C-alpha atoms as a PDB file:
ATOM      1  CA  MET A   1     -47.240   8.978 -11.001  1.00  0.00           C
ATOM      2  CA  VAL A   2     -46.745   8.477 -14.707  1.00  0.00           C
ATOM      3  CA  THR A   3     -44.679  10.583 -17.117  1.00  0.00           C
ATOM      4  CA  LEU A   4     -46.071  11.035 -20.611  1.00  0.00           C
ATOM      5  CA  GLU A   5     -43.651  12.329 -23.248  1.00  0.00           C
ATOM      6  CA  VAL A   6     -44.873  14.264 -26.282  1.00  0.00           C
ATOM      7  CA  ASP A   7     -42.350  14.711 -29.099  1.00  0.00           C
ATOM      8  CA  VAL A   8     -43.385  17.543 -31.411  1.00  0.00           C
ATOM      9  CA  ARG A   9     -39.952  18.382 -32.819  1.00  0.00           C
ATOM     10  CA  GLY A  10     -40.289  19.816 -36.324  1.00  0.00           C
ATOM     11  CA  GLN A  11     -43.998  20.600 -35.858  1.00  0.00           C
ATOM     12  CA  THR A  12     -45.383  24.153 -35.987  1.00  0.00           C
ATOM     13  CA  CYS A  13     -48.470  25.727 -34.409  1.00  0.00           C
ATOM     14  CA  PRO A  14     -51.018  24.567 -33.602  1.00  0.00           C
ATOM     15  CA  VAL A  15     -49.769  20.953 -33.570  1.00  0.00           C
ATOM     16  CA  PRO A  16     -47.563  21.184 -30.421  1.00  0.00           C
ATOM     17  CA  LEU A  17     -50.379  22.699 -28.344  1.00  0.00           C
ATOM     18  CA  VAL A  18     -52.962  20.238 -29.685  1.00  0.00           C
ATOM     19  CA  GLU A  19     -50.715  17.245 -28.921  1.00  0.00           C
ATOM     20  CA  CYS A  20     -49.960  18.649 -25.455  1.00  0.00           C
ATOM     21  CA  ARG A  21     -53.674  18.959 -24.710  1.00  0.00           C
ATOM     22  CA  LYS A  22     -54.301  15.376 -25.894  1.00  0.00           C
ATOM     23  CA  ALA A  23     -51.617  14.111 -23.502  1.00  0.00           C
ATOM     24  CA  LEU A  24     -53.026  16.184 -20.637  1.00  0.00           C
ATOM     25  CA  ARG A  25     -56.482  14.672 -21.216  1.00  0.00           C
ATOM     26  CA  LYS A  26     -54.967  11.156 -20.979  1.00  0.00           C
ATOM     27  CA  ALA A  27     -52.959  12.006 -17.859  1.00  0.00           C
ATOM     28  CA  SER A  28     -54.320  11.471 -14.361  1.00  0.00           C
ATOM     29  CA  PRO A  29     -54.014  14.075 -11.606  1.00  0.00           C
ATOM     30  CA  GLY A  30     -50.413  14.085 -10.372  1.00  0.00           C
ATOM     31  CA  ASP A  31     -49.001  12.764 -13.654  1.00  0.00           C
ATOM     32  CA  GLU A  32     -46.322  14.692 -15.510  1.00  0.00           C
ATOM     33  CA  VAL A  33     -46.437  15.582 -19.201  1.00  0.00           C
ATOM     34  CA  VAL A  34     -43.118  16.402 -20.882  1.00  0.00           C
ATOM     35  CA  VAL A  35     -43.334  18.181 -24.236  1.00  0.00           C
ATOM     36  CA  VAL A  36     -40.205  18.351 -26.431  1.00  0.00           C
ATOM     37  CA  GLY A  37     -40.242  20.603 -29.470  1.00  0.00           C
ATOM     38  CA  THR A  38     -38.468  23.072 -31.721  1.00  0.00           C
ATOM     39  CA  HIS A  39     -41.101  25.688 -32.656  1.00  0.00           C
ATOM     40  CA  PRO A  40     -40.218  28.924 -30.778  1.00  0.00           C
ATOM     41  CA  ALA A  41     -43.784  30.254 -30.475  1.00  0.00           C
ATOM     42  CA  SER A  42     -45.035  27.006 -28.934  1.00  0.00           C
ATOM     43  CA  LYS A  43     -42.450  27.321 -26.161  1.00  0.00           C
ATOM     44  CA  LYS A  44     -44.377  30.405 -25.007  1.00  0.00           C
ATOM     45  CA  GLU A  45     -47.919  29.331 -25.920  1.00  0.00           C
ATOM     46  CA  ILE A  46     -47.925  25.956 -24.167  1.00  0.00           C
ATOM     47  CA  PRO A  47     -47.007  27.281 -20.685  1.00  0.00           C
ATOM     48  CA  MET A  48     -49.528  30.135 -21.039  1.00  0.00           C
ATOM     49  CA  ALA A  49     -52.291  27.694 -22.007  1.00  0.00           C
ATOM     50  CA  CYS A  50     -51.425  25.332 -19.162  1.00  0.00           C
ATOM     51  CA  GLU A  51     -51.394  28.108 -16.574  1.00  0.00           C
ATOM     52  CA  SER A  52     -54.792  29.336 -17.805  1.00  0.00           C
ATOM     53  CA  LEU A  53     -56.089  25.783 -17.190  1.00  0.00           C
ATOM     54  CA  GLY A  54     -54.734  25.858 -13.636  1.00  0.00           C
ATOM     55  CA  LEU A  55     -51.950  23.344 -14.299  1.00  0.00           C
ATOM     56  CA  ASP A  56     -48.439  23.556 -12.829  1.00  0.00           C
ATOM     57  CA  VAL A  57     -45.672  24.326 -15.321  1.00  0.00           C
ATOM     58  CA  LEU A  58     -42.681  22.763 -13.546  1.00  0.00           C
ATOM     59  CA  ALA A  59     -39.928  23.808 -15.966  1.00  0.00           C
ATOM     60  CA  VAL A  60     -39.193  25.268 -19.378  1.00  0.00           C
ATOM     61  CA  GLU A  61     -35.715  24.220 -20.500  1.00  0.00           C
ATOM     62  CA  ASP A  62     -33.786  25.371 -23.563  1.00  0.00           C
ATOM     63  CA  LYS A  63     -31.381  22.935 -25.215  1.00  0.00           C
ATOM     64  CA  GLY A  64     -29.985  24.725 -28.260  1.00  0.00           C
ATOM     65  CA  ASN A  65     -32.670  24.607 -30.945  1.00  0.00           C
ATOM     66  CA  GLU A  66     -34.913  22.406 -28.804  1.00  0.00           C
ATOM     67  CA  TRP A  67     -36.970  23.077 -25.720  1.00  0.00           C
ATOM     68  CA  LYS A  68     -38.585  20.886 -23.084  1.00  0.00           C
ATOM     69  CA  ILE A  69     -41.627  21.806 -21.006  1.00  0.00           C
ATOM     70  CA  ARG A  70     -42.594  19.810 -17.906  1.00  0.00           C
ATOM     71  CA  ILE A  71     -46.222  20.086 -16.759  1.00  0.00           C
ATOM     72  CA  ARG A  72     -47.943  18.501 -13.742  1.00  0.00           C
ATOM     73  CA  ARG A  73     -51.592  17.564 -14.285  1.00  0.00           C
END
């Protein structure tokens, strides 16, 4: 298993979702993609998009102004 980290802090829609999808395409089944960002709308959009693709959203963590989303491919 590999963990891919995507840092989209300071980016606004649609950049966080686009970068997340790029990382998911690179990931192999079983790999984990961790997305770190600051845009509030993306914190909701990314998990919804991943669930619609049938991917497992492992966690959505808030850390002050930042959030972290862990996704299993």
